[in-house]
């Protein structure tokens, strides 16, 4: 089993900032309280799986991509949300 190379809180903050979201924006998009997001980013608390999934949804990232990124790997292009499947012929 692979060991995470980055903490969830650090990943969350880096991802939020790379999308130019402030805490209020992510809170609104995810339905997670701003202070809860701040505590997770500061690694004062760990989110539940439910909260982590909601945060991913607010960032428009699939939970599968989160797992890959926490392991220091990039999700294969054919598995990314921004790469829709080819239409049926």
PDB file of N, CA and C in Angstrom:
ATOM      1  N   UNK A   1       0.837  -1.173   0.000  1.00  0.00           N
ATOM      2  CA  UNK A   1       0.000   0.000   0.000  1.00  0.00           C
ATOM      3  C   UNK A   1       0.888   1.244   0.000  1.00  0.00           C
ATOM      4  N   UNK A   2       0.546   2.205  -0.851  1.00  0.00           N
ATOM      5  CA  UNK A   2       1.325   3.434  -0.959  1.00  0.00           C
ATOM      6  C   UNK A   2       1.050   4.345   0.233  1.00  0.00           C
ATOM      7  N   UNK A   3       2.067   5.045   0.651  1.00  0.00           N
ATOM      8  CA  UNK A   3       1.942   5.979   1.759  1.00  0.00           C
ATOM      9  C   UNK A   3       1.793   7.382   1.187  1.00  0.00           C
ATOM     10  N   UNK A   4       0.882   8.148   1.767  1.00  0.00           N
ATOM     11  CA  UNK A   4       0.656   9.511   1.290  1.00  0.00           C
ATOM     12  C   UNK A   4       1.943  10.316   1.412  1.00  0.00           C
ATOM     13  N   UNK A   5       2.245  11.077   0.387  1.00  0.00           N
ATOM     14  CA  UNK A   5       3.454  11.894   0.399  1.00  0.00           C
ATOM     15  C   UNK A   5       3.150  13.344   0.756  1.00  0.00           C
ATOM     16  N   UNK A   6       1.888  13.688   0.853  1.00  0.00           N
ATOM     17  CA  UNK A   6       1.479  15.042   1.227  1.00  0.00           C
ATOM     18  C   UNK A   6       0.248  14.909   2.119  1.00  0.00           C
ATOM     19  N   UNK A   7       0.141  15.765   3.108  1.00  0.00           N
ATOM     20  CA  UNK A   7      -1.020  15.702   3.993  1.00  0.00           C
ATOM     21  C   UNK A   7      -2.251  16.244   3.271  1.00  0.00           C
ATOM     22  N   UNK A   8      -3.400  15.814   3.716  1.00  0.00           N
ATOM     23  CA  UNK A   8      -4.641  16.292   3.109  1.00  0.00           C
ATOM     24  C   UNK A   8      -4.765  17.802   3.268  1.00  0.00           C
ATOM     25  N   UNK A   9      -4.433  18.314   4.447  1.00  0.00           N
ATOM     26  CA  UNK A   9      -4.557  19.753   4.682  1.00  0.00           C
ATOM     27  C   UNK A   9      -3.682  20.577   3.756  1.00  0.00           C
ATOM     28  N   UNK A  10      -2.436  20.140   3.584  1.00  0.00           N
ATOM     29  CA  UNK A  10      -1.517  20.863   2.686  1.00  0.00           C
ATOM     30  C   UNK A  10      -2.028  20.763   1.247  1.00  0.00           C
ATOM     31  N   UNK A  11      -2.457  19.572   0.839  1.00  0.00           N
ATOM     32  CA  UNK A  11      -2.993  19.386  -0.512  1.00  0.00           C
ATOM     33  C   UNK A  11      -4.211  20.279  -0.727  1.00  0.00           C
ATOM     34  N   UNK A  12      -5.104  20.324   0.262  1.00  0.00           N
ATOM     35  CA  UNK A  12      -6.323  21.124   0.143  1.00  0.00           C
ATOM     36  C   UNK A  12      -5.985  22.599  -0.058  1.00  0.00           C
ATOM     37  N   UNK A  13      -5.084  23.114   0.761  1.00  0.00           N
ATOM     38  CA  UNK A  13      -4.716  24.525   0.643  1.00  0.00           C
ATOM     39  C   UNK A  13      -4.052  24.819  -0.699  1.00  0.00           C
ATOM     40  N   UNK A  14      -3.114  23.974  -1.116  1.00  0.00           N
ATOM     41  CA  UNK A  14      -2.433  24.194  -2.392  1.00  0.00           C
ATOM     42  C   UNK A  14      -3.423  24.135  -3.560  1.00  0.00           C
ATOM     43  N   UNK A  15      -4.328  23.188  -3.516  1.00  0.00           N
ATOM     44  CA  UNK A  15      -5.302  23.034  -4.602  1.00  0.00           C
ATOM     45  C   UNK A  15      -6.276  24.208  -4.620  1.00  0.00           C
ATOM     46  N   UNK A  16      -6.742  24.607  -3.438  1.00  0.00           N
ATOM     47  CA  UNK A  16      -7.665  25.753  -3.345  1.00  0.00           C
ATOM     48  C   UNK A  16      -7.004  27.008  -3.902  1.00  0.00           C
ATOM     49  N   UNK A  17      -5.774  27.255  -3.506  1.00  0.00           N
ATOM     50  CA  UNK A  17      -5.075  28.457  -3.965  1.00  0.00           C
ATOM     51  C   UNK A  17      -4.757  28.388  -5.461  1.00  0.00           C
ATOM     52  N   UNK A  18      -4.446  27.209  -5.973  1.00  0.00           N
ATOM     53  CA  UNK A  18      -4.151  27.089  -7.406  1.00  0.00           C
ATOM     54  C   UNK A  18      -5.388  27.393  -8.249  1.00  0.00           C
ATOM     55  N   UNK A  19      -6.567  27.206  -7.666  1.00  0.00           N
ATOM     56  CA  UNK A  19      -7.821  27.530  -8.357  1.00  0.00           C
ATOM     57  C   UNK A  19      -8.289  28.957  -8.046  1.00  0.00           C
ATOM     58  N   UNK A  20      -7.477  29.664  -7.265  1.00  0.00           N
ATOM     59  CA  UNK A  20      -7.759  31.046  -6.874  1.00  0.00           C
ATOM     60  C   UNK A  20      -9.067  31.175  -6.102  1.00  0.00           C
ATOM     61  N   UNK A  21      -9.351  30.176  -5.251  1.00  0.00           N
ATOM     62  CA  UNK A  21     -10.516  30.214  -4.373  1.00  0.00           C
ATOM     63  C   UNK A  21     -10.070  30.707  -3.008  1.00  0.00           C
ATOM     64  N   UNK A  22     -10.834  31.618  -2.433  1.00  0.00           N
ATOM     65  CA  UNK A  22     -10.586  31.941  -1.033  1.00  0.00           C
ATOM     66  C   UNK A  22     -11.399  30.958  -0.187  1.00  0.00           C
ATOM     67  N   UNK A  23     -11.232  31.032   1.130  1.00  0.00           N
ATOM     68  CA  UNK A  23     -11.938  30.093   2.004  1.00  0.00           C
ATOM     69  C   UNK A  23     -13.450  30.201   1.840  1.00  0.00           C
ATOM     70  N   UNK A  24     -13.955  31.410   1.701  1.00  0.00           N
ATOM     71  CA  UNK A  24     -15.404  31.603   1.562  1.00  0.00           C
ATOM     72  C   UNK A  24     -15.937  30.964   0.284  1.00  0.00           C
ATOM     73  N   UNK A  25     -15.181  31.061  -0.789  1.00  0.00           N
ATOM     74  CA  UNK A  25     -15.609  30.467  -2.058  1.00  0.00           C
ATOM     75  C   UNK A  25     -15.701  28.956  -1.941  1.00  0.00           C
ATOM     76  N   UNK A  26     -14.657  28.339  -1.384  1.00  0.00           N
ATOM     77  CA  UNK A  26     -14.695  26.891  -1.231  1.00  0.00           C
ATOM     78  C   UNK A  26     -15.796  26.475  -0.266  1.00  0.00           C
ATOM     79  N   UNK A  27     -15.995  27.238   0.785  1.00  0.00           N
ATOM     80  CA  UNK A  27     -17.063  26.925   1.736  1.00  0.00           C
ATOM     81  C   UNK A  27     -18.420  26.935   1.030  1.00  0.00           C
ATOM     82  N   UNK A  28     -18.648  27.940   0.220  1.00  0.00           N
ATOM     83  CA  UNK A  28     -19.921  28.044  -0.511  1.00  0.00           C
ATOM     84  C   UNK A  28     -20.075  26.897  -1.504  1.00  0.00           C
ATOM     85  N   UNK A  29     -19.020  26.605  -2.245  1.00  0.00           N
ATOM     86  CA  UNK A  29     -19.087  25.567  -3.281  1.00  0.00           C
ATOM     87  C   UNK A  29     -19.222  24.160  -2.703  1.00  0.00           C
ATOM     88  N   UNK A  30     -18.655  23.931  -1.522  1.00  0.00           N
ATOM     89  CA  UNK A  30     -18.641  22.582  -0.948  1.00  0.00           C
ATOM     90  C   UNK A  30     -19.696  22.356   0.127  1.00  0.00           C
ATOM     91  N   UNK A  31     -20.200  23.445   0.701  1.00  0.00           N
ATOM     92  CA  UNK A  31     -21.147  23.300   1.803  1.00  0.00           C
ATOM     93  C   UNK A  31     -20.460  22.970   3.120  1.00  0.00           C
ATOM     94  N   UNK A  32     -19.139  23.146   3.159  1.00  0.00           N
ATOM     95  CA  UNK A  32     -18.363  22.904   4.381  1.00  0.00           C
ATOM     96  C   UNK A  32     -18.057  24.260   5.004  1.00  0.00           C
ATOM     97  N   UNK A  33     -18.253  24.375   6.301  1.00  0.00           N
ATOM     98  CA  UNK A  33     -18.032  25.621   7.022  1.00  0.00           C
ATOM     99  C   UNK A  33     -16.601  26.136   6.842  1.00  0.00           C
ATOM    100  N   UNK A  34     -16.475  27.447   6.646  1.00  0.00           N
ATOM    101  CA  UNK A  34     -15.175  28.091   6.430  1.00  0.00           C
ATOM    102  C   UNK A  34     -14.185  27.759   7.540  1.00  0.00           C
ATOM    103  N   UNK A  35     -14.630  27.808   8.785  1.00  0.00           N
ATOM    104  CA  UNK A  35     -13.716  27.534   9.907  1.00  0.00           C
ATOM    105  C   UNK A  35     -13.264  26.077   9.902  1.00  0.00           C
ATOM    106  N   UNK A  36     -14.104  25.172   9.449  1.00  0.00           N
ATOM    107  CA  UNK A  36     -13.713  23.757   9.348  1.00  0.00           C
ATOM    108  C   UNK A  36     -12.629  23.580   8.288  1.00  0.00           C
ATOM    109  N   UNK A  37     -12.793  24.260   7.155  1.00  0.00           N
ATOM    110  CA  UNK A  37     -11.790  24.199   6.090  1.00  0.00           C
ATOM    111  C   UNK A  37     -10.458  24.732   6.613  1.00  0.00           C
ATOM    112  N   UNK A  38     -10.515  25.846   7.326  1.00  0.00           N
ATOM    113  CA  UNK A  38      -9.305  26.454   7.870  1.00  0.00           C
ATOM    114  C   UNK A  38      -8.602  25.504   8.836  1.00  0.00           C
ATOM    115  N   UNK A  39      -9.354  24.815   9.695  1.00  0.00           N
ATOM    116  CA  UNK A  39      -8.760  23.867  10.644  1.00  0.00           C
ATOM    117  C   UNK A  39      -8.109  22.690   9.915  1.00  0.00           C
ATOM    118  N   UNK A  40      -8.740  22.231   8.836  1.00  0.00           N
ATOM    119  CA  UNK A  40      -8.164  21.123   8.058  1.00  0.00           C
ATOM    120  C   UNK A  40      -6.871  21.581   7.401  1.00  0.00           C
ATOM    121  N   UNK A  41      -6.889  22.760   6.786  1.00  0.00           N
ATOM    122  CA  UNK A  41      -5.686  23.263   6.112  1.00  0.00           C
ATOM    123  C   UNK A  41      -4.533  23.475   7.087  1.00  0.00           C
ATOM    124  N   UNK A  42      -4.840  23.887   8.310  1.00  0.00           N
ATOM    125  CA  UNK A  42      -3.792  24.098   9.321  1.00  0.00           C
ATOM    126  C   UNK A  42      -3.417  22.787  10.013  1.00  0.00           C
ATOM    127  N   UNK A  43      -4.072  21.702   9.608  1.00  0.00           N
ATOM    128  CA  UNK A  43      -3.827  20.358  10.142  1.00  0.00           C
ATOM    129  C   UNK A  43      -4.112  20.265  11.635  1.00  0.00           C
ATOM    130  N   UNK A  44      -5.075  21.073  12.079  1.00  0.00           N
ATOM    131  CA  UNK A  44      -5.546  21.016  13.455  1.00  0.00           C
ATOM    132  C   UNK A  44      -6.559  19.881  13.596  1.00  0.00           C
ATOM    133  N   UNK A  45      -7.271  19.601  12.502  1.00  0.00           N
ATOM    134  CA  UNK A  45      -8.237  18.498  12.510  1.00  0.00           C
ATOM    135  C   UNK A  45      -8.201  17.779  11.164  1.00  0.00           C
ATOM    136  N   UNK A  46      -8.692  16.558  11.178  1.00  0.00           N
ATOM    137  CA  UNK A  46      -8.791  15.751   9.963  1.00  0.00           C
ATOM    138  C   UNK A  46     -10.263  15.652   9.587  1.00  0.00           C
ATOM    139  N   UNK A  47     -10.579  15.800   8.302  1.00  0.00           N
ATOM    140  CA  UNK A  47     -11.989  15.726   7.901  1.00  0.00           C
ATOM    141  C   UNK A  47     -12.470  14.276   7.875  1.00  0.00           C
ATOM    142  N   UNK A  48     -13.773  14.118   8.004  1.00  0.00           N
ATOM    143  CA  UNK A  48     -14.360  12.803   7.776  1.00  0.00           C
ATOM    144  C   UNK A  48     -14.289  12.526   6.280  1.00  0.00           C
ATOM    145  N   UNK A  49     -14.501  11.285   5.891  1.00  0.00           N
ATOM    146  CA  UNK A  49     -14.515  10.947   4.473  1.00  0.00           C
ATOM    147  C   UNK A  49     -15.599  11.744   3.753  1.00  0.00           C
ATOM    148  N   UNK A  50     -16.763  11.875   4.378  1.00  0.00           N
ATOM    149  CA  UNK A  50     -17.872  12.632   3.790  1.00  0.00           C
ATOM    150  C   UNK A  50     -17.448  14.081   3.520  1.00  0.00           C
ATOM    151  N   UNK A  51     -16.795  14.703   4.490  1.00  0.00           N
ATOM    152  CA  UNK A  51     -16.356  16.089   4.323  1.00  0.00           C
ATOM    153  C   UNK A  51     -15.281  16.193   3.254  1.00  0.00           C
ATOM    154  N   UNK A  52     -14.349  15.245   3.218  1.00  0.00           N
ATOM    155  CA  UNK A  52     -13.296  15.260   2.196  1.00  0.00           C
ATOM    156  C   UNK A  52     -13.904  15.169   0.799  1.00  0.00           C
ATOM    157  N   UNK A  53     -14.911  14.320   0.635  1.00  0.00           N
ATOM    158  CA  UNK A  53     -15.575  14.196  -0.671  1.00  0.00           C
ATOM    159  C   UNK A  53     -16.281  15.495  -1.028  1.00  0.00           C
ATOM    160  N   UNK A  54     -16.945  16.124  -0.070  1.00  0.00           N
ATOM    161  CA  UNK A  54     -17.615  17.409  -0.338  1.00  0.00           C
ATOM    162  C   UNK A  54     -16.601  18.480  -0.740  1.00  0.00           C
ATOM    163  N   UNK A  55     -15.448  18.498  -0.089  1.00  0.00           N
ATOM    164  CA  UNK A  55     -14.411  19.466  -0.457  1.00  0.00           C
ATOM    165  C   UNK A  55     -13.903  19.198  -1.868  1.00  0.00           C
ATOM    166  N   UNK A  56     -13.714  17.925  -2.208  1.00  0.00           N
ATOM    167  CA  UNK A  56     -13.298  17.584  -3.573  1.00  0.00           C
ATOM    168  C   UNK A  56     -14.338  18.057  -4.584  1.00  0.00           C
ATOM    169  N   UNK A  57     -15.603  17.840  -4.275  1.00  0.00           N
ATOM    170  CA  UNK A  57     -16.660  18.291  -5.186  1.00  0.00           C
ATOM    171  C   UNK A  57     -16.618  19.803  -5.352  1.00  0.00           C
ATOM    172  N   UNK A  58     -16.364  20.531  -4.263  1.00  0.00           N
ATOM    173  CA  UNK A  58     -16.256  21.986  -4.334  1.00  0.00           C
ATOM    174  C   UNK A  58     -15.089  22.441  -5.189  1.00  0.00           C
ATOM    175  N   UNK A  59     -14.050  21.617  -5.230  1.00  0.00           N
ATOM    176  CA  UNK A  59     -12.865  21.915  -6.047  1.00  0.00           C
ATOM    177  C   UNK A  59     -12.973  21.322  -7.450  1.00  0.00           C
ATOM    178  N   UNK A  60     -14.079  20.606  -7.714  1.00  0.00           N
ATOM    179  CA  UNK A  60     -14.308  19.914  -8.990  1.00  0.00           C
ATOM    180  C   UNK A  60     -13.224  18.870  -9.246  1.00  0.00           C
ATOM    181  N   UNK A  61     -12.916  18.118  -8.209  1.00  0.00           N
ATOM    182  CA  UNK A  61     -11.926  17.043  -8.286  1.00  0.00           C
ATOM    183  C   UNK A  61     -12.598  15.777  -7.787  1.00  0.00           C
ATOM    184  N   UNK A  62     -12.423  14.699  -8.528  1.00  0.00           N
ATOM    185  CA  UNK A  62     -12.970  13.427  -8.100  1.00  0.00           C
ATOM    186  C   UNK A  62     -12.158  12.842  -6.962  1.00  0.00           C
ATOM    187  N   UNK A  63     -12.814  12.099  -6.077  1.00  0.00           N
ATOM    188  CA  UNK A  63     -12.074  11.468  -4.981  1.00  0.00           C
ATOM    189  C   UNK A  63     -10.944  10.562  -5.479  1.00  0.00           C
ATOM    190  N   UNK A  64     -11.121   9.952  -6.649  1.00  0.00           N
ATOM    191  CA  UNK A  64     -10.057   9.104  -7.197  1.00  0.00           C
ATOM    192  C   UNK A  64      -8.812   9.936  -7.506  1.00  0.00           C
ATOM    193  N   UNK A  65      -9.013  11.144  -8.023  1.00  0.00           N
ATOM    194  CA  UNK A  65      -7.880  12.022  -8.309  1.00  0.00           C
ATOM    195  C   UNK A  65      -7.191  12.442  -7.010  1.00  0.00           C
ATOM    196  N   UNK A  66      -7.976  12.683  -5.968  1.00  0.00           N
ATOM    197  CA  UNK A  66      -7.408  13.029  -4.660  1.00  0.00           C
ATOM    198  C   UNK A  66      -6.465  11.936  -4.179  1.00  0.00           C
ATOM    199  N   UNK A  67      -6.894  10.697  -4.246  1.00  0.00           N
ATOM    200  CA  UNK A  67      -6.069   9.587  -3.769  1.00  0.00           C
ATOM    201  C   UNK A  67      -4.755   9.530  -4.542  1.00  0.00           C
ATOM    202  N   UNK A  68      -4.831   9.668  -5.839  1.00  0.00           N
ATOM    203  CA  UNK A  68      -3.608   9.648  -6.660  1.00  0.00           C
ATOM    204  C   UNK A  68      -2.676  10.790  -6.260  1.00  0.00           C
ATOM    205  N   UNK A  69      -3.223  11.987  -6.104  1.00  0.00           N
ATOM    206  CA  UNK A  69      -2.392  13.155  -5.794  1.00  0.00           C
ATOM    207  C   UNK A  69      -1.761  13.048  -4.411  1.00  0.00           C
ATOM    208  N   UNK A  70      -2.487  12.512  -3.438  1.00  0.00           N
ATOM    209  CA  UNK A  70      -1.917  12.353  -2.101  1.00  0.00           C
ATOM    210  C   UNK A  70      -0.770  11.353  -2.104  1.00  0.00           C
ATOM    211  N   UNK A  71      -0.750  10.471  -3.091  1.00  0.00           N
ATOM    212  CA  UNK A  71       0.337   9.514  -3.227  1.00  0.00           C
ATOM    213  C   UNK A  71       1.480  10.083  -4.067  1.00  0.00           C
ATOM    214  N   UNK A  72       1.346  11.337  -4.504  1.00  0.00           N
ATOM    215  CA  UNK A  72       2.391  11.971  -5.290  1.00  0.00           C
ATOM    216  C   UNK A  72       2.381  11.551  -6.745  1.00  0.00           C
ATOM    217  N   UNK A  73       1.243  11.038  -7.207  1.00  0.00           N
ATOM    218  CA  UNK A  73       1.128  10.594  -8.599  1.00  0.00           C
ATOM    219  C   UNK A  73       0.056  11.418  -9.297  1.00  0.00           C
ATOM    220  N   UNK A  74       0.132  11.440 -10.611  1.00  0.00           N
ATOM    221  CA  UNK A  74      -0.861  12.157 -11.404  1.00  0.00           C
ATOM    222  C   UNK A  74      -1.859  11.162 -11.973  1.00  0.00           C
ATOM    223  N   UNK A  75      -3.124  11.504 -11.901  1.00  0.00           N
ATOM    224  CA  UNK A  75      -4.183  10.660 -12.444  1.00  0.00           C
ATOM    225  C   UNK A  75      -4.011  10.550 -13.953  1.00  0.00           C
ATOM    226  N   UNK A  76      -4.081   9.332 -14.510  1.00  0.00           N
ATOM    227  CA  UNK A  76      -3.957   9.188 -15.962  1.00  0.00           C
ATOM    228  C   UNK A  76      -4.992  10.051 -16.686  1.00  0.00           C
ATOM    229  N   UNK A  77      -4.635  10.649 -17.811  1.00  0.00           N
ATOM    230  CA  UNK A  77      -5.536  11.561 -18.519  1.00  0.00           C
ATOM    231  C   UNK A  77      -6.913  10.969 -18.826  1.00  0.00           C
ATOM    232  N   UNK A  78      -6.969   9.688 -19.135  1.00  0.00           N
ATOM    233  CA  UNK A  78      -8.260   9.099 -19.481  1.00  0.00           C
ATOM    234  C   UNK A  78      -9.183   8.929 -18.275  1.00  0.00           C
ATOM    235  N   UNK A  79      -8.665   9.167 -17.061  1.00  0.00           N
ATOM    236  CA  UNK A  79      -9.472   9.051 -15.858  1.00  0.00           C
ATOM    237  C   UNK A  79      -9.891  10.406 -15.290  1.00  0.00           C
ATOM    238  N   UNK A  80      -9.384  11.485 -15.870  1.00  0.00           N
ATOM    239  CA  UNK A  80      -9.680  12.821 -15.346  1.00  0.00           C
ATOM    240  C   UNK A  80     -11.102  13.249 -15.692  1.00  0.00           C
ATOM    241  N   UNK A  81     -11.686  14.047 -14.820  1.00  0.00           N
ATOM    242  CA  UNK A  81     -13.032  14.578 -15.040  1.00  0.00           C
ATOM    243  C   UNK A  81     -13.090  15.492 -16.258  1.00  0.00           C
ATOM    244  N   UNK A  82     -11.993  16.192 -16.521  1.00  0.00           N
ATOM    245  CA  UNK A  82     -11.977  17.152 -17.628  1.00  0.00           C
ATOM    246  C   UNK A  82     -11.721  16.469 -18.970  1.00  0.00           C
ATOM    247  N   UNK A  83     -11.682  15.154 -18.978  1.00  0.00           N
ATOM    248  CA  UNK A  83     -11.476  14.388 -20.203  1.00  0.00           C
ATOM    249  C   UNK A  83     -12.672  13.460 -20.390  1.00  0.00           C
ATOM    250  N   UNK A  84     -13.793  13.972 -20.962  1.00  0.00           N
ATOM    251  CA  UNK A  84     -14.990  13.151 -21.109  1.00  0.00           C
ATOM    252  C   UNK A  84     -14.754  11.972 -22.045  1.00  0.00           C
ATOM    253  N   UNK A  85     -15.507  10.884 -21.841  1.00  0.00           N
ATOM    254  CA  UNK A  85     -15.337   9.721 -22.715  1.00  0.00           C
ATOM    255  C   UNK A  85     -15.791  10.036 -24.144  1.00  0.00           C
ATOM    256  N   UNK A  86     -15.250   9.291 -25.080  1.00  0.00           N
ATOM    257  CA  UNK A  86     -15.654   9.452 -26.473  1.00  0.00           C
ATOM    258  C   UNK A  86     -17.122   9.076 -26.607  1.00  0.00           C
ATOM    259  N   UNK A  87     -17.879   9.816 -27.446  1.00  0.00           N
ATOM    260  CA  UNK A  87     -19.299   9.486 -27.635  1.00  0.00           C
ATOM    261  C   UNK A  87     -19.438   8.145 -28.354  1.00  0.00           C
ATOM    262  N   UNK A  88     -20.536   7.425 -28.093  1.00  0.00           N
ATOM    263  CA  UNK A  88     -20.740   6.144 -28.778  1.00  0.00           C
ATOM    264  C   UNK A  88     -20.885   6.348 -30.283  1.00  0.00           C
ATOM    265  N   UNK A  89     -20.443   5.371 -31.016  1.00  0.00           N
ATOM    266  CA  UNK A  89     -20.471   5.460 -32.483  1.00  0.00           C
ATOM    267  C   UNK A  89     -21.764   4.878 -33.015  1.00  0.00           C
TER     268      UNK A  89
END
